[in-house]
N, C-alpha and C. Protein backbone atom coordinates (compact mmCIF):
# COMPACT_ATOMS: atom_id res chain seq x y z
N MET A 1 -13.57 0.03 -4.21
CA MET A 1 -12.41 0.37 -5.02
C MET A 1 -12.21 -0.69 -6.09
N ALA A 2 -11.87 -0.26 -7.28
CA ALA A 2 -11.56 -1.20 -8.36
C ALA A 2 -10.23 -1.89 -8.07
N ILE A 3 -10.08 -3.05 -8.62
CA ILE A 3 -8.82 -3.78 -8.48
C ILE A 3 -7.78 -3.15 -9.39
N ALA A 4 -6.59 -2.89 -8.87
CA ALA A 4 -5.48 -2.36 -9.66
C ALA A 4 -4.37 -3.40 -9.67
N ILE A 5 -3.90 -3.75 -10.86
CA ILE A 5 -2.85 -4.76 -11.02
C ILE A 5 -1.60 -4.08 -11.58
N TYR A 6 -0.50 -4.29 -10.89
CA TYR A 6 0.78 -3.71 -11.29
C TYR A 6 1.74 -4.86 -11.61
N ASP A 7 2.19 -4.92 -12.85
CA ASP A 7 3.16 -5.95 -13.25
C ASP A 7 4.57 -5.36 -13.22
N ARG A 8 5.54 -6.24 -13.09
CA ARG A 8 6.96 -5.89 -13.17
C ARG A 8 7.38 -4.85 -12.12
N VAL A 9 6.86 -5.01 -10.92
CA VAL A 9 7.22 -4.14 -9.80
C VAL A 9 8.54 -4.64 -9.21
N GLN A 10 9.48 -3.75 -9.02
CA GLN A 10 10.77 -4.11 -8.45
C GLN A 10 10.66 -4.17 -6.93
N LEU A 11 10.93 -5.34 -6.36
CA LEU A 11 10.84 -5.56 -4.92
C LEU A 11 12.24 -5.93 -4.42
N GLN A 12 12.70 -5.23 -3.40
CA GLN A 12 14.03 -5.48 -2.84
C GLN A 12 13.90 -6.01 -1.42
N ILE A 13 14.71 -7.04 -1.12
CA ILE A 13 14.75 -7.60 0.23
C ILE A 13 16.16 -7.37 0.77
N PHE A 14 16.23 -6.78 1.96
CA PHE A 14 17.50 -6.41 2.57
C PHE A 14 17.71 -7.24 3.84
N ALA A 15 18.58 -8.23 3.76
CA ALA A 15 18.91 -9.06 4.92
C ALA A 15 20.14 -8.47 5.62
N ALA A 16 20.18 -8.60 6.93
CA ALA A 16 21.30 -8.03 7.70
C ALA A 16 22.63 -8.70 7.39
N ASP A 17 22.59 -9.98 7.04
CA ASP A 17 23.84 -10.73 6.88
C ASP A 17 24.21 -11.02 5.42
N SER A 18 23.55 -10.35 4.47
CA SER A 18 23.88 -10.58 3.06
C SER A 18 23.50 -9.37 2.22
N GLU A 19 23.86 -9.43 0.94
CA GLU A 19 23.48 -8.36 0.03
C GLU A 19 21.98 -8.41 -0.23
N SER A 20 21.45 -7.35 -0.80
CA SER A 20 20.02 -7.32 -1.07
C SER A 20 19.68 -8.25 -2.23
N ASP A 21 18.45 -8.75 -2.20
CA ASP A 21 17.92 -9.57 -3.28
C ASP A 21 16.86 -8.76 -4.00
N ASP A 22 16.92 -8.75 -5.32
CA ASP A 22 15.95 -8.01 -6.12
C ASP A 22 15.06 -9.00 -6.86
N TYR A 23 13.77 -8.73 -6.84
CA TYR A 23 12.79 -9.58 -7.52
C TYR A 23 11.85 -8.72 -8.33
N GLU A 24 11.28 -9.31 -9.36
CA GLU A 24 10.23 -8.66 -10.12
C GLU A 24 8.92 -9.30 -9.68
N ALA A 25 7.97 -8.48 -9.25
CA ALA A 25 6.74 -9.00 -8.67
C ALA A 25 5.51 -8.42 -9.38
N ARG A 26 4.40 -9.08 -9.16
CA ARG A 26 3.10 -8.54 -9.53
C ARG A 26 2.42 -8.15 -8.22
N VAL A 27 1.83 -6.96 -8.21
CA VAL A 27 1.12 -6.49 -7.03
C VAL A 27 -0.34 -6.24 -7.43
N VAL A 28 -1.25 -6.84 -6.68
CA VAL A 28 -2.68 -6.65 -6.91
C VAL A 28 -3.22 -5.89 -5.71
N ASP A 29 -3.74 -4.69 -5.96
CA ASP A 29 -4.27 -3.84 -4.90
C ASP A 29 -5.79 -3.86 -4.96
N ARG A 30 -6.41 -4.41 -3.93
CA ARG A 30 -7.87 -4.48 -3.83
C ARG A 30 -8.42 -3.54 -2.76
N GLY A 31 -7.58 -2.64 -2.28
CA GLY A 31 -8.02 -1.69 -1.25
C GLY A 31 -7.89 -2.27 0.14
N ASP A 32 -8.71 -3.26 0.48
CA ASP A 32 -8.64 -3.87 1.81
C ASP A 32 -7.66 -5.03 1.88
N GLU A 33 -7.09 -5.40 0.73
CA GLU A 33 -6.02 -6.40 0.71
C GLU A 33 -5.08 -6.10 -0.45
N MET A 34 -3.84 -6.54 -0.30
CA MET A 34 -2.83 -6.38 -1.33
C MET A 34 -2.12 -7.71 -1.48
N ILE A 35 -1.98 -8.16 -2.71
CA ILE A 35 -1.36 -9.45 -2.98
C ILE A 35 -0.01 -9.21 -3.64
N LEU A 36 1.04 -9.82 -3.10
CA LEU A 36 2.37 -9.78 -3.68
C LEU A 36 2.65 -11.14 -4.29
N GLU A 37 2.94 -11.18 -5.58
CA GLU A 37 3.25 -12.45 -6.26
C GLU A 37 4.64 -12.34 -6.87
N ILE A 38 5.51 -13.25 -6.46
CA ILE A 38 6.85 -13.34 -7.03
C ILE A 38 6.93 -14.67 -7.77
N PRO A 39 7.15 -14.63 -9.09
CA PRO A 39 7.19 -15.88 -9.86
C PRO A 39 8.29 -16.82 -9.36
N GLU A 40 8.12 -18.08 -9.67
CA GLU A 40 9.12 -19.08 -9.31
C GLU A 40 10.47 -18.69 -9.91
N GLN A 41 11.51 -18.80 -9.11
CA GLN A 41 12.88 -18.50 -9.52
C GLN A 41 13.69 -19.80 -9.46
N LYS A 42 14.89 -19.73 -9.92
CA LYS A 42 15.76 -20.90 -9.87
C LYS A 42 15.95 -21.38 -8.43
N GLU A 43 16.10 -20.41 -7.48
CA GLU A 43 16.36 -20.75 -6.08
C GLU A 43 15.11 -20.82 -5.22
N THR A 44 13.97 -20.28 -5.67
CA THR A 44 12.79 -20.22 -4.82
C THR A 44 11.52 -20.64 -5.57
N ALA A 45 10.58 -21.14 -4.82
CA ALA A 45 9.27 -21.50 -5.37
C ALA A 45 8.44 -20.23 -5.56
N LEU A 46 7.30 -20.35 -6.23
CA LEU A 46 6.35 -19.25 -6.37
C LEU A 46 5.99 -18.73 -4.98
N ILE A 47 5.97 -17.42 -4.83
CA ILE A 47 5.57 -16.79 -3.56
C ILE A 47 4.32 -15.98 -3.81
N THR A 48 3.28 -16.23 -3.04
CA THR A 48 2.03 -15.46 -3.12
C THR A 48 1.62 -15.08 -1.70
N ILE A 49 1.76 -13.79 -1.39
CA ILE A 49 1.41 -13.30 -0.07
C ILE A 49 0.15 -12.44 -0.19
N ARG A 50 -0.91 -12.86 0.47
CA ARG A 50 -2.17 -12.10 0.48
C ARG A 50 -2.21 -11.32 1.79
N GLY A 51 -1.90 -10.03 1.69
CA GLY A 51 -1.86 -9.18 2.87
C GLY A 51 -3.21 -8.52 3.11
N LYS A 52 -3.73 -8.69 4.29
CA LYS A 52 -4.99 -8.05 4.69
C LYS A 52 -4.66 -6.71 5.35
N ARG A 53 -5.48 -5.70 5.05
CA ARG A 53 -5.27 -4.38 5.67
C ARG A 53 -5.68 -4.46 7.14
N ILE A 54 -4.78 -4.01 7.99
CA ILE A 54 -5.02 -3.91 9.43
C ILE A 54 -4.66 -2.47 9.81
N GLU A 55 -5.67 -1.66 10.00
CA GLU A 55 -5.49 -0.23 10.26
C GLU A 55 -4.62 0.41 9.17
N HIS A 56 -3.36 0.72 9.45
CA HIS A 56 -2.51 1.44 8.49
C HIS A 56 -1.45 0.55 7.83
N TYR A 57 -1.55 -0.77 7.94
CA TYR A 57 -0.56 -1.65 7.32
C TYR A 57 -1.24 -2.91 6.79
N TYR A 58 -0.47 -3.70 6.03
CA TYR A 58 -0.92 -4.99 5.50
C TYR A 58 -0.11 -6.09 6.17
N ALA A 59 -0.72 -7.25 6.34
CA ALA A 59 -0.03 -8.40 6.92
C ALA A 59 -0.56 -9.67 6.28
N GLY A 60 0.37 -10.59 5.98
CA GLY A 60 -0.05 -11.86 5.39
C GLY A 60 1.08 -12.86 5.40
N ARG A 61 0.76 -14.04 4.88
CA ARG A 61 1.77 -15.10 4.80
C ARG A 61 1.68 -15.75 3.44
N ASP A 62 2.75 -16.43 3.05
CA ASP A 62 2.78 -17.12 1.77
C ASP A 62 1.69 -18.19 1.74
N GLU A 63 0.88 -18.18 0.69
CA GLU A 63 -0.23 -19.13 0.59
C GLU A 63 0.22 -20.56 0.31
N ALA A 64 1.39 -20.73 -0.27
CA ALA A 64 1.93 -22.06 -0.54
C ALA A 64 3.33 -22.11 0.05
N PRO A 65 3.42 -22.13 1.37
CA PRO A 65 4.73 -21.94 2.01
C PRO A 65 5.73 -23.04 1.71
N GLY A 66 6.96 -22.58 1.66
CA GLY A 66 8.08 -23.49 1.73
C GLY A 66 8.64 -24.08 0.47
N GLY A 67 7.85 -24.18 -0.56
CA GLY A 67 8.39 -24.84 -1.73
C GLY A 67 9.02 -26.16 -1.32
N PRO A 68 10.13 -26.52 -1.92
CA PRO A 68 10.76 -27.79 -1.59
C PRO A 68 11.41 -27.84 -0.21
N ASP A 69 11.73 -26.66 0.36
CA ASP A 69 12.42 -26.63 1.66
C ASP A 69 11.48 -26.56 2.85
N GLY A 70 10.20 -26.28 2.65
CA GLY A 70 9.23 -26.26 3.73
C GLY A 70 9.32 -25.08 4.69
N TRP A 71 9.91 -23.94 4.28
CA TRP A 71 10.00 -22.78 5.17
C TRP A 71 8.71 -21.98 5.16
N GLU A 72 8.52 -21.18 6.22
CA GLU A 72 7.35 -20.33 6.34
C GLU A 72 7.75 -18.88 6.06
N LEU A 73 6.89 -18.14 5.34
CA LEU A 73 7.16 -16.75 5.01
C LEU A 73 5.99 -15.88 5.46
N ILE A 74 6.31 -14.86 6.25
CA ILE A 74 5.32 -13.91 6.76
C ILE A 74 5.82 -12.51 6.39
N ALA A 75 4.90 -11.62 6.02
CA ALA A 75 5.30 -10.25 5.68
C ALA A 75 4.29 -9.25 6.24
N ARG A 76 4.82 -8.08 6.61
CA ARG A 76 4.00 -6.94 7.03
C ARG A 76 4.59 -5.71 6.36
N TRP A 77 3.71 -4.86 5.79
CA TRP A 77 4.21 -3.69 5.10
C TRP A 77 3.22 -2.54 5.17
N SER A 78 3.76 -1.33 4.98
CA SER A 78 2.98 -0.11 5.07
C SER A 78 3.51 0.90 4.05
N LYS A 79 2.66 1.84 3.66
CA LYS A 79 3.08 2.87 2.72
C LYS A 79 3.72 4.01 3.49
N LEU A 80 4.87 4.43 3.02
CA LEU A 80 5.61 5.54 3.62
C LEU A 80 5.93 6.50 2.48
N GLY A 81 5.15 7.55 2.36
CA GLY A 81 5.29 8.44 1.20
C GLY A 81 4.82 7.73 -0.05
N ASP A 82 5.73 7.55 -1.03
CA ASP A 82 5.36 6.84 -2.26
C ASP A 82 5.98 5.45 -2.35
N ILE A 83 6.49 4.95 -1.23
CA ILE A 83 7.14 3.63 -1.23
C ILE A 83 6.52 2.76 -0.13
N TYR A 84 6.43 1.48 -0.39
CA TYR A 84 5.99 0.53 0.63
C TYR A 84 7.22 -0.09 1.26
N VAL A 85 7.25 -0.16 2.57
CA VAL A 85 8.36 -0.76 3.31
C VAL A 85 7.79 -1.73 4.33
N GLY A 86 8.57 -2.77 4.65
CA GLY A 86 8.06 -3.72 5.60
C GLY A 86 9.09 -4.71 6.11
N ILE A 87 8.57 -5.68 6.85
CA ILE A 87 9.38 -6.75 7.42
C ILE A 87 9.01 -8.05 6.72
N TRP A 88 10.03 -8.79 6.32
CA TRP A 88 9.91 -10.04 5.59
C TRP A 88 10.53 -11.10 6.50
N ILE A 89 9.73 -12.03 6.98
CA ILE A 89 10.23 -13.05 7.90
C ILE A 89 10.15 -14.40 7.21
N ALA A 90 11.31 -14.94 6.84
CA ALA A 90 11.39 -16.22 6.15
C ALA A 90 12.04 -17.23 7.07
N ASP A 91 11.26 -18.23 7.46
CA ASP A 91 11.75 -19.30 8.33
C ASP A 91 12.39 -18.74 9.60
N GLY A 92 11.77 -17.69 10.16
CA GLY A 92 12.24 -17.11 11.41
C GLY A 92 13.31 -16.05 11.27
N SER A 93 13.85 -15.84 10.08
CA SER A 93 14.90 -14.86 9.86
C SER A 93 14.29 -13.57 9.29
N GLU A 94 14.49 -12.44 9.98
CA GLU A 94 13.88 -11.18 9.59
C GLU A 94 14.76 -10.40 8.61
N SER A 95 14.10 -9.81 7.61
CA SER A 95 14.73 -8.89 6.66
C SER A 95 13.78 -7.72 6.46
N LEU A 96 14.29 -6.65 5.90
CA LEU A 96 13.46 -5.54 5.49
C LEU A 96 13.18 -5.70 4.00
N PHE A 97 12.04 -5.16 3.54
CA PHE A 97 11.79 -5.16 2.10
C PHE A 97 11.08 -3.88 1.71
N SER A 98 11.15 -3.57 0.41
CA SER A 98 10.49 -2.37 -0.09
C SER A 98 10.11 -2.56 -1.55
N PHE A 99 9.12 -1.78 -1.97
CA PHE A 99 8.74 -1.71 -3.37
C PHE A 99 7.99 -0.42 -3.60
N ARG A 100 7.99 0.04 -4.84
CA ARG A 100 7.29 1.26 -5.23
C ARG A 100 6.38 0.92 -6.39
N LEU A 101 5.10 1.28 -6.27
CA LEU A 101 4.16 1.04 -7.36
C LEU A 101 4.29 2.15 -8.42
N PRO A 102 4.16 1.78 -9.69
CA PRO A 102 4.13 2.81 -10.73
C PRO A 102 2.92 3.74 -10.52
N LYS A 103 2.96 4.89 -11.12
CA LYS A 103 1.86 5.85 -10.98
C LYS A 103 0.56 5.30 -11.54
N LYS A 104 0.63 4.51 -12.61
CA LYS A 104 -0.57 3.93 -13.21
C LYS A 104 -0.46 2.42 -13.20
N PRO A 105 -1.56 1.72 -12.89
CA PRO A 105 -1.53 0.27 -12.92
C PRO A 105 -1.41 -0.27 -14.35
N THR A 106 -0.93 -1.50 -14.46
CA THR A 106 -0.86 -2.17 -15.75
C THR A 106 -2.26 -2.36 -16.31
N ARG A 107 -3.19 -2.73 -15.41
CA ARG A 107 -4.60 -2.86 -15.79
C ARG A 107 -5.45 -2.78 -14.53
N THR A 108 -6.74 -2.56 -14.73
CA THR A 108 -7.68 -2.49 -13.62
C THR A 108 -8.81 -3.48 -13.88
N GLY A 109 -9.54 -3.79 -12.83
CA GLY A 109 -10.62 -4.75 -13.00
C GLY A 109 -11.77 -4.47 -12.08
């Protein structure tokens, strides 16, 4: 499969004890792996999760965990219809997250 790169993907994180957080991400789909990249924000360091396909879902962890706070980030996600949904575990605290890829990638490689 060719690499498909999607820029400006809206990713939402839903924590049980707070309002949702919205991020703009880049998603790189390589078929057997999917990479989620969230640029550095005022409150968070760059996040790069390389998810490996495991049967019907992806799983991975932040490649440069913690930024200045040293926390660990793990994510697992799967496609449900036309949306990806999953579990986002940051420093032991679980949240749900979702994103939808555009119909066409920004570019392919």
